[in-house]
Amino acid sequence: MSALSYDTSDGLYIVHKGRVKIYRLSETGKEQLVRILGPGDFTGDLSLFTKSVHDSYAEAMEAVELCVMSRDNFQQFILKYPAISLKVLSEFSKRLAKTEKQAANIAMETAETRIAMYLAEIADETMRNTENASIIITSFPHKMERED
């Protein structure tokens, strides 16, 4: 799966198996990770309700199976099964809340605190999604220095 930035977006991509990295590139080529999709996750959702272009890239991290649904088919589907639209709105709400939290953290927290919060979030997610998971915390061998 590889969607080129600025290609027309007119469908929903649902991950059935595997993982997909969604990222953006700066003008200098620096990669910014947006999110990693796993089974049950989706992308392209913004194009379902408005015509848009891709502003991100997608790259399979391993073998992937996708379900692809066009905007027209999706809109017919949610008219037939309205409960699906509630699930999509729920996912939009979760993403918006996460984005607002990230923006606040960037504005108000130090880099060290943001890293610690990210590691704690990943650990929590791993514990929720993995049977018999265990996490080992070790200290870093050096102090992080801020570069101005």
Protein backbone atom coordinates (compact mmCIF):
# COMPACT_ATOMS: atom_id res chain seq x y z
CA MET A 1 0.00 0.00 0.00
CA SER A 2 1.49 3.28 -1.00
CA ALA A 3 -0.61 6.39 -1.42
CA LEU A 4 1.18 9.33 -2.92
CA SER A 5 0.67 12.65 -1.25
CA TYR A 6 -1.68 14.94 -3.17
CA ASP A 7 -3.34 12.06 -5.07
CA THR A 8 -7.11 12.34 -5.02
CA SER A 9 -8.57 10.54 -2.03
CA ASP A 10 -11.96 8.93 -2.49
CA GLY A 11 -12.06 5.84 -0.34
CA LEU A 12 -11.74 4.16 3.00
CA TYR A 13 -8.89 1.71 3.63
CA ILE A 14 -9.52 -0.76 6.46
CA VAL A 15 -6.61 -2.91 7.64
CA HIS A 16 -7.64 -6.57 7.93
CA LYS A 17 -4.17 -8.02 8.57
CA GLY A 18 -0.74 -6.50 9.10
CA ARG A 19 0.43 -2.99 9.97
CA VAL A 20 0.56 0.21 7.92
CA LYS A 21 2.61 3.31 8.73
CA ILE A 22 0.91 6.63 7.94
CA TYR A 23 3.35 9.54 7.70
CA ARG A 24 3.92 12.97 6.21
CA LEU A 25 7.05 14.40 4.63
CA SER A 26 8.33 17.92 5.16
CA GLU A 27 9.69 19.95 2.26
CA THR A 28 13.18 18.88 3.37
CA GLY A 29 12.20 15.19 3.32
CA LYS A 30 11.93 14.75 7.08
CA GLU A 31 9.37 12.07 7.96
CA GLN A 32 6.69 12.75 10.58
CA LEU A 33 4.87 9.66 11.83
CA VAL A 34 1.12 10.25 12.02
CA ARG A 35 0.05 6.83 13.28
CA ILE A 36 0.48 3.11 12.80
CA LEU A 37 -2.59 1.17 11.72
CA GLY A 38 -3.25 -2.40 12.79
CA PRO A 39 -6.10 -4.83 12.17
CA GLY A 40 -9.44 -3.02 12.41
CA ASP A 41 -7.91 0.45 12.01
CA PHE A 42 -8.68 2.61 8.99
CA THR A 43 -7.52 5.61 7.03
CA GLY A 44 -9.00 7.71 4.25
CA ASP A 45 -11.99 8.51 6.43
CA LEU A 46 -11.84 12.25 5.80
CA SER A 47 -12.44 11.66 2.10
CA LEU A 48 -15.70 9.85 2.82
CA PHE A 49 -17.62 13.05 3.38
CA THR A 50 -15.71 15.64 1.36
CA LYS A 51 -13.57 15.55 -1.74
CA SER A 52 -9.95 15.77 -0.68
CA VAL A 53 -6.40 14.89 -1.60
CA HIS A 54 -3.98 12.68 0.33
CA ASP A 55 -1.74 14.76 2.56
CA SER A 56 0.04 11.70 3.92
CA TYR A 57 1.85 8.63 2.72
CA ALA A 58 1.03 5.04 3.64
CA GLU A 59 3.59 2.25 3.77
CA ALA A 60 3.03 -1.43 4.61
CA MET A 61 5.29 -2.46 7.49
CA GLU A 62 4.62 -6.16 6.83
CA ALA A 63 2.28 -8.24 4.66
CA VAL A 64 -1.07 -6.42 4.63
CA GLU A 65 -4.63 -7.29 3.66
CA LEU A 66 -6.93 -4.31 3.13
CA CYS A 67 -10.60 -3.75 2.54
CA VAL A 68 -11.10 -0.72 0.27
CA MET A 69 -14.47 1.01 0.02
CA SER A 70 -15.23 3.93 -2.28
CA ARG A 71 -16.92 7.10 -0.98
CA ASP A 72 -20.15 6.29 -2.85
CA ASN A 73 -20.27 2.70 -1.59
CA PHE A 74 -19.52 3.82 1.96
CA GLN A 75 -22.25 6.44 1.93
CA GLN A 76 -24.75 3.86 0.67
CA PHE A 77 -23.53 1.45 3.35
CA ILE A 78 -24.06 3.89 6.25
CA LEU A 79 -27.52 4.76 4.94
CA LYS A 80 -28.38 1.07 5.05
CA TYR A 81 -26.59 0.47 8.41
CA PRO A 82 -26.71 3.75 10.40
CA ALA A 83 -24.98 2.21 13.43
CA ILE A 84 -21.76 2.18 11.40
CA SER A 85 -21.82 5.98 11.23
CA LEU A 86 -21.86 6.12 15.03
CA LYS A 87 -18.71 3.98 15.15
CA VAL A 88 -17.00 6.25 12.62
CA LEU A 89 -17.99 9.34 14.64
CA SER A 90 -16.67 7.65 17.78
CA GLU A 91 -13.32 7.07 16.09
CA PHE A 92 -13.24 10.69 14.87
CA SER A 93 -13.88 11.85 18.44
CA LYS A 94 -11.05 9.68 19.81
CA ARG A 95 -8.61 10.98 17.19
CA LEU A 96 -9.62 14.60 17.83
CA ALA A 97 -9.17 14.18 21.59
CA LYS A 98 -5.76 12.57 21.07
CA THR A 99 -4.69 15.35 18.69
CA GLU A 100 -5.80 18.06 21.13
CA LYS A 101 -3.92 16.32 23.95
CA GLN A 102 -0.77 16.08 21.81
CA ALA A 103 -1.00 19.77 20.86
CA ALA A 104 -1.33 20.76 24.52
CA ASN A 105 1.61 18.53 25.49
CA ILE A 106 3.82 20.01 22.77
CA ALA A 107 2.98 23.52 23.94
CA MET A 108 3.28 22.93 27.69
CA GLU A 109 5.57 19.98 28.43
CA THR A 110 9.32 19.50 28.19
CA ALA A 111 10.76 17.03 25.69
CA GLU A 112 11.68 14.67 28.54
CA THR A 113 8.15 14.72 29.91
CA ARG A 114 6.66 14.13 26.45
CA ILE A 115 8.95 11.13 25.91
CA ALA A 116 8.03 9.71 29.32
CA MET A 117 4.32 10.21 28.60
CA TYR A 118 4.69 8.54 25.20
CA LEU A 119 6.51 5.53 26.68
CA ALA A 120 3.86 5.20 29.39
CA GLU A 121 1.12 5.35 26.74
CA ILE A 122 2.81 2.66 24.63
CA ALA A 123 3.29 0.47 27.72
CA ASP A 124 -0.36 0.89 28.68
CA GLU A 125 -1.51 0.07 25.14
CA THR A 126 0.75 -2.99 25.03
CA MET A 127 -0.64 -4.25 28.33
CA ARG A 128 -4.24 -3.80 27.11
CA ASN A 129 -3.66 -5.50 23.75
CA THR A 130 -1.30 -8.34 24.63
CA GLU A 131 -2.06 -11.43 26.66
CA ASN A 132 0.43 -12.08 29.48
CA ALA A 133 2.40 -8.95 28.57
CA SER A 134 5.21 -7.75 30.78
CA ILE A 135 7.21 -4.58 30.50
CA ILE A 136 10.72 -4.10 31.84
CA ILE A 137 11.76 -0.55 32.65
CA THR A 138 15.46 0.24 32.54
CA SER A 139 17.23 3.52 33.03
CA PHE A 140 18.90 5.36 30.20
CA PRO A 141 22.72 5.29 30.32
CA HIS A 142 23.05 9.03 29.80
CA LYS A 143 21.21 12.20 30.63
CA MET A 144 19.30 13.80 27.79
CA GLU A 145 20.58 17.27 26.91
CA ARG A 146 18.56 19.93 25.19
CA GLU A 147 20.07 21.37 22.03
CA ASP A 148 19.08 24.95 21.24
